[in-house]
Amino acid sequence: MHDLKHYLSLFDVLIETLPRNHPWFSSTMNNIGLVLQKLGRFDKALKYFRTSLDILRKTLSDNHPLIADVYDNIGHVYKCTQDYETALECFEKSLKMRETSLPLDHVDVNQSRVNIGLIYKTMENYKFALEYFKKCAEKADTESLESSYWQIDESLINMAFIFKRQDKYEKALSL
């Protein structure tokens, strides 16, 4: 709760001193949304994320990584509320933006792949889940292990889970 009070007090200062389209204003809105999400106040979190997104769309290029980050945050809210179709749409938008603005083996691009894979896994669409987990593991492998080892680990664990659910134990063991 302390974080929310901190961001709200910062928000009051920003309203008085900065134009509404200033990037810091957007960043504060996004951070308030993150705190509200952690508190389980999903409707309010979405409101703040959408305001942040509106500001960024007016001030940055269409595929800017910061816009992708906000779509990612919105996707997590929908995932938490079990609206998997909408979460998937948000994660796919984020991935598309990140693939056009970042190197394909960038940790954020791979995080989008993991997020999409997890949604497909939750929806029991294992074919597509495996596709995204495999791509993440392949791309992350070309990157420094320091920044991507957890994505490789998460991808392999989820792939093994899917193979187990499909009774493909040998495939799970070969990972």
Protein backbone atom coordinates (compact mmCIF):
# COMPACT_ATOMS: atom_id res chain seq x y z
CA MET A 1 0.00 0.00 0.00
CA HIS A 2 2.99 2.26 0.67
CA ASP A 3 4.00 2.06 -3.02
CA LEU A 4 0.54 3.15 -4.14
CA LYS A 5 0.58 6.17 -1.80
CA HIS A 6 4.04 7.06 -3.09
CA TYR A 7 2.95 6.92 -6.74
CA LEU A 8 -0.26 8.81 -6.07
CA SER A 9 1.66 11.63 -4.36
CA LEU A 10 4.09 11.71 -7.27
CA PHE A 11 1.11 11.73 -9.61
CA ASP A 12 -0.29 14.84 -7.87
CA VAL A 13 3.03 16.63 -8.39
CA LEU A 14 3.17 15.61 -12.05
CA ILE A 15 -0.36 16.87 -12.70
CA GLU A 16 0.64 20.29 -11.38
CA THR A 17 3.97 20.55 -13.18
CA LEU A 18 4.01 18.56 -16.42
CA PRO A 19 1.89 18.44 -19.56
CA ARG A 20 -0.38 15.39 -19.72
CA ASN A 21 1.58 13.95 -22.65
CA HIS A 22 4.94 13.94 -20.86
CA PRO A 23 6.65 10.49 -20.77
CA TRP A 24 7.08 10.69 -16.99
CA PHE A 25 3.34 11.12 -16.64
CA SER A 26 2.85 7.94 -18.68
CA SER A 27 5.46 6.08 -16.63
CA THR A 28 3.76 7.06 -13.38
CA MET A 29 0.37 5.94 -14.70
CA ASN A 30 1.90 2.61 -15.69
CA ASN A 31 3.53 2.16 -12.27
CA ILE A 32 0.28 2.96 -10.47
CA GLY A 33 -1.36 0.33 -12.68
CA LEU A 34 1.28 -2.23 -11.65
CA VAL A 35 0.68 -1.55 -7.96
CA LEU A 36 -3.10 -1.77 -8.40
CA GLN A 37 -2.67 -5.05 -10.28
CA LYS A 38 -0.63 -6.49 -7.42
CA LEU A 39 -3.42 -5.42 -5.05
CA GLY A 40 -5.96 -7.28 -7.20
CA ARG A 41 -7.73 -4.08 -8.28
CA PHE A 42 -7.77 -5.09 -11.92
CA ASP A 43 -10.37 -2.65 -13.28
CA LYS A 44 -8.48 0.31 -11.85
CA ALA A 45 -5.17 -1.09 -13.05
CA LEU A 46 -6.55 -1.32 -16.59
CA LYS A 47 -7.67 2.30 -16.42
CA TYR A 48 -4.16 3.45 -15.53
CA PHE A 49 -2.51 1.20 -18.11
CA ARG A 50 -4.84 2.49 -20.84
CA THR A 51 -4.09 6.09 -19.90
CA SER A 52 -0.38 5.33 -20.06
CA LEU A 53 -0.89 3.65 -23.43
CA ASP A 54 -2.81 6.65 -24.80
CA ILE A 55 -0.02 9.01 -23.82
CA LEU A 56 2.69 6.81 -25.30
CA ARG A 57 0.79 6.39 -28.58
CA LYS A 58 0.70 10.18 -28.95
CA THR A 59 4.37 10.70 -28.18
CA LEU A 60 6.24 7.63 -29.48
CA SER A 61 6.49 5.59 -32.67
CA ASP A 62 3.91 2.84 -33.17
CA ASN A 63 6.30 -0.03 -32.37
CA HIS A 64 8.21 1.55 -29.50
CA PRO A 65 9.25 -0.97 -26.82
CA LEU A 66 7.56 1.09 -24.09
CA ILE A 67 4.20 0.68 -25.83
CA ALA A 68 4.88 -3.05 -26.02
CA ASP A 69 5.61 -3.06 -22.27
CA VAL A 70 2.22 -1.52 -21.50
CA TYR A 71 0.44 -4.05 -23.74
CA ASP A 72 2.31 -6.73 -21.82
CA ASN A 73 1.07 -5.29 -18.51
CA ILE A 74 -2.50 -5.15 -19.82
CA GLY A 75 -2.16 -8.77 -20.94
CA HIS A 76 -1.16 -9.80 -17.43
CA VAL A 77 -4.28 -8.16 -15.99
CA TYR A 78 -6.46 -10.10 -18.41
CA LYS A 79 -4.55 -13.27 -17.58
CA CYS A 80 -5.23 -12.68 -13.87
CA THR A 81 -8.95 -12.21 -14.59
CA GLN A 82 -8.93 -15.38 -16.73
CA ASP A 83 -9.86 -13.51 -19.93
CA TYR A 84 -7.31 -15.53 -21.87
CA GLU A 85 -8.40 -14.48 -25.37
CA THR A 86 -7.90 -10.80 -24.56
CA ALA A 87 -4.64 -11.55 -22.74
CA LEU A 88 -3.45 -13.41 -25.82
CA GLU A 89 -4.31 -10.45 -28.08
CA CYS A 90 -2.32 -8.11 -25.83
CA PHE A 91 0.69 -10.43 -25.63
CA GLU A 92 0.65 -10.91 -29.40
CA LYS A 93 0.60 -7.13 -29.95
CA SER A 94 3.50 -6.81 -27.55
CA LEU A 95 5.45 -9.54 -29.34
CA LYS A 96 4.84 -8.00 -32.76
CA MET A 97 6.07 -4.60 -31.57
CA ARG A 98 9.09 -6.05 -29.85
CA GLU A 99 10.04 -8.15 -32.88
CA THR A 100 10.07 -5.02 -35.05
CA SER A 101 11.93 -2.79 -32.60
CA LEU A 102 14.33 -5.13 -30.76
CA PRO A 103 16.76 -7.90 -31.74
CA LEU A 104 14.91 -11.21 -32.10
CA ASP A 105 16.94 -12.77 -29.26
CA HIS A 106 16.28 -9.86 -26.89
CA VAL A 107 15.08 -10.86 -23.43
CA ASP A 108 11.84 -8.85 -23.84
CA VAL A 109 11.00 -10.55 -27.14
CA ASN A 110 11.51 -13.92 -25.48
CA GLN A 111 9.39 -12.88 -22.51
CA SER A 112 6.54 -12.18 -24.93
CA ARG A 113 6.99 -15.67 -26.35
CA VAL A 114 6.86 -17.18 -22.87
CA ASN A 115 3.73 -15.17 -22.03
CA ILE A 116 1.97 -16.36 -25.19
CA GLY A 117 3.08 -19.94 -24.57
CA LEU A 118 1.70 -19.81 -21.04
CA ILE A 119 -1.68 -18.57 -22.26
CA TYR A 120 -1.88 -21.32 -24.86
CA LYS A 121 -0.84 -23.85 -22.22
CA THR A 122 -3.57 -22.60 -19.87
CA MET A 123 -6.09 -22.88 -22.71
CA GLU A 124 -4.77 -26.43 -23.32
CA ASN A 125 -3.76 -25.54 -26.87
CA TYR A 126 -0.51 -27.45 -26.53
CA LYS A 127 0.48 -27.30 -30.18
CA PHE A 128 0.78 -23.50 -30.12
CA ALA A 129 2.18 -23.44 -26.59
CA LEU A 130 5.01 -25.75 -27.64
CA GLU A 131 5.70 -23.60 -30.69
CA TYR A 132 6.25 -20.49 -28.57
CA PHE A 133 8.23 -22.26 -25.84
CA LYS A 134 10.51 -23.88 -28.45
CA LYS A 135 11.10 -20.57 -30.20
CA CYS A 136 11.94 -18.91 -26.90
CA ALA A 137 14.39 -21.67 -25.95
CA GLU A 138 16.04 -21.50 -29.38
CA LYS A 139 16.34 -17.71 -29.47
CA ALA A 140 17.33 -17.34 -25.83
CA ASP A 141 20.11 -19.88 -26.42
CA THR A 142 21.85 -17.42 -28.77
CA GLU A 143 21.85 -14.72 -26.11
CA SER A 144 23.95 -14.30 -23.01
CA LEU A 145 22.84 -16.94 -20.52
CA GLU A 146 22.99 -14.42 -17.69
CA SER A 147 19.91 -12.58 -18.96
CA SER A 148 17.93 -15.46 -20.41
CA TYR A 149 18.65 -18.63 -18.41
CA TRP A 150 15.33 -18.35 -16.57
CA GLN A 151 13.43 -18.08 -19.87
CA ILE A 152 15.15 -21.19 -21.18
CA ASP A 153 14.37 -22.93 -17.89
CA GLU A 154 10.72 -21.82 -17.91
CA SER A 155 10.30 -22.85 -21.55
CA LEU A 156 11.81 -26.30 -21.00
CA ILE A 157 9.76 -26.91 -17.86
CA ASN A 158 6.56 -25.97 -19.66
CA MET A 159 7.48 -28.09 -22.68
CA ALA A 160 8.10 -31.07 -20.38
CA PHE A 161 4.73 -30.48 -18.70
CA ILE A 162 2.97 -30.48 -22.09
CA PHE A 163 4.77 -33.64 -23.24
CA LYS A 164 3.78 -35.31 -19.97
CA ARG A 165 0.14 -34.30 -20.49
CA GLN A 166 0.34 -35.82 -23.97
CA ASP A 167 1.92 -39.03 -22.64
CA LYS A 168 5.10 -38.31 -24.61
CA TYR A 169 7.45 -39.15 -21.79
CA GLU A 170 10.49 -39.81 -23.97
CA LYS A 171 10.22 -36.33 -25.45
CA ALA A 172 9.93 -34.85 -21.98
CA LEU A 173 13.04 -36.71 -20.86
CA SER A 174 14.99 -35.64 -23.94
CA LEU A 175 14.73 -31.98 -23.03
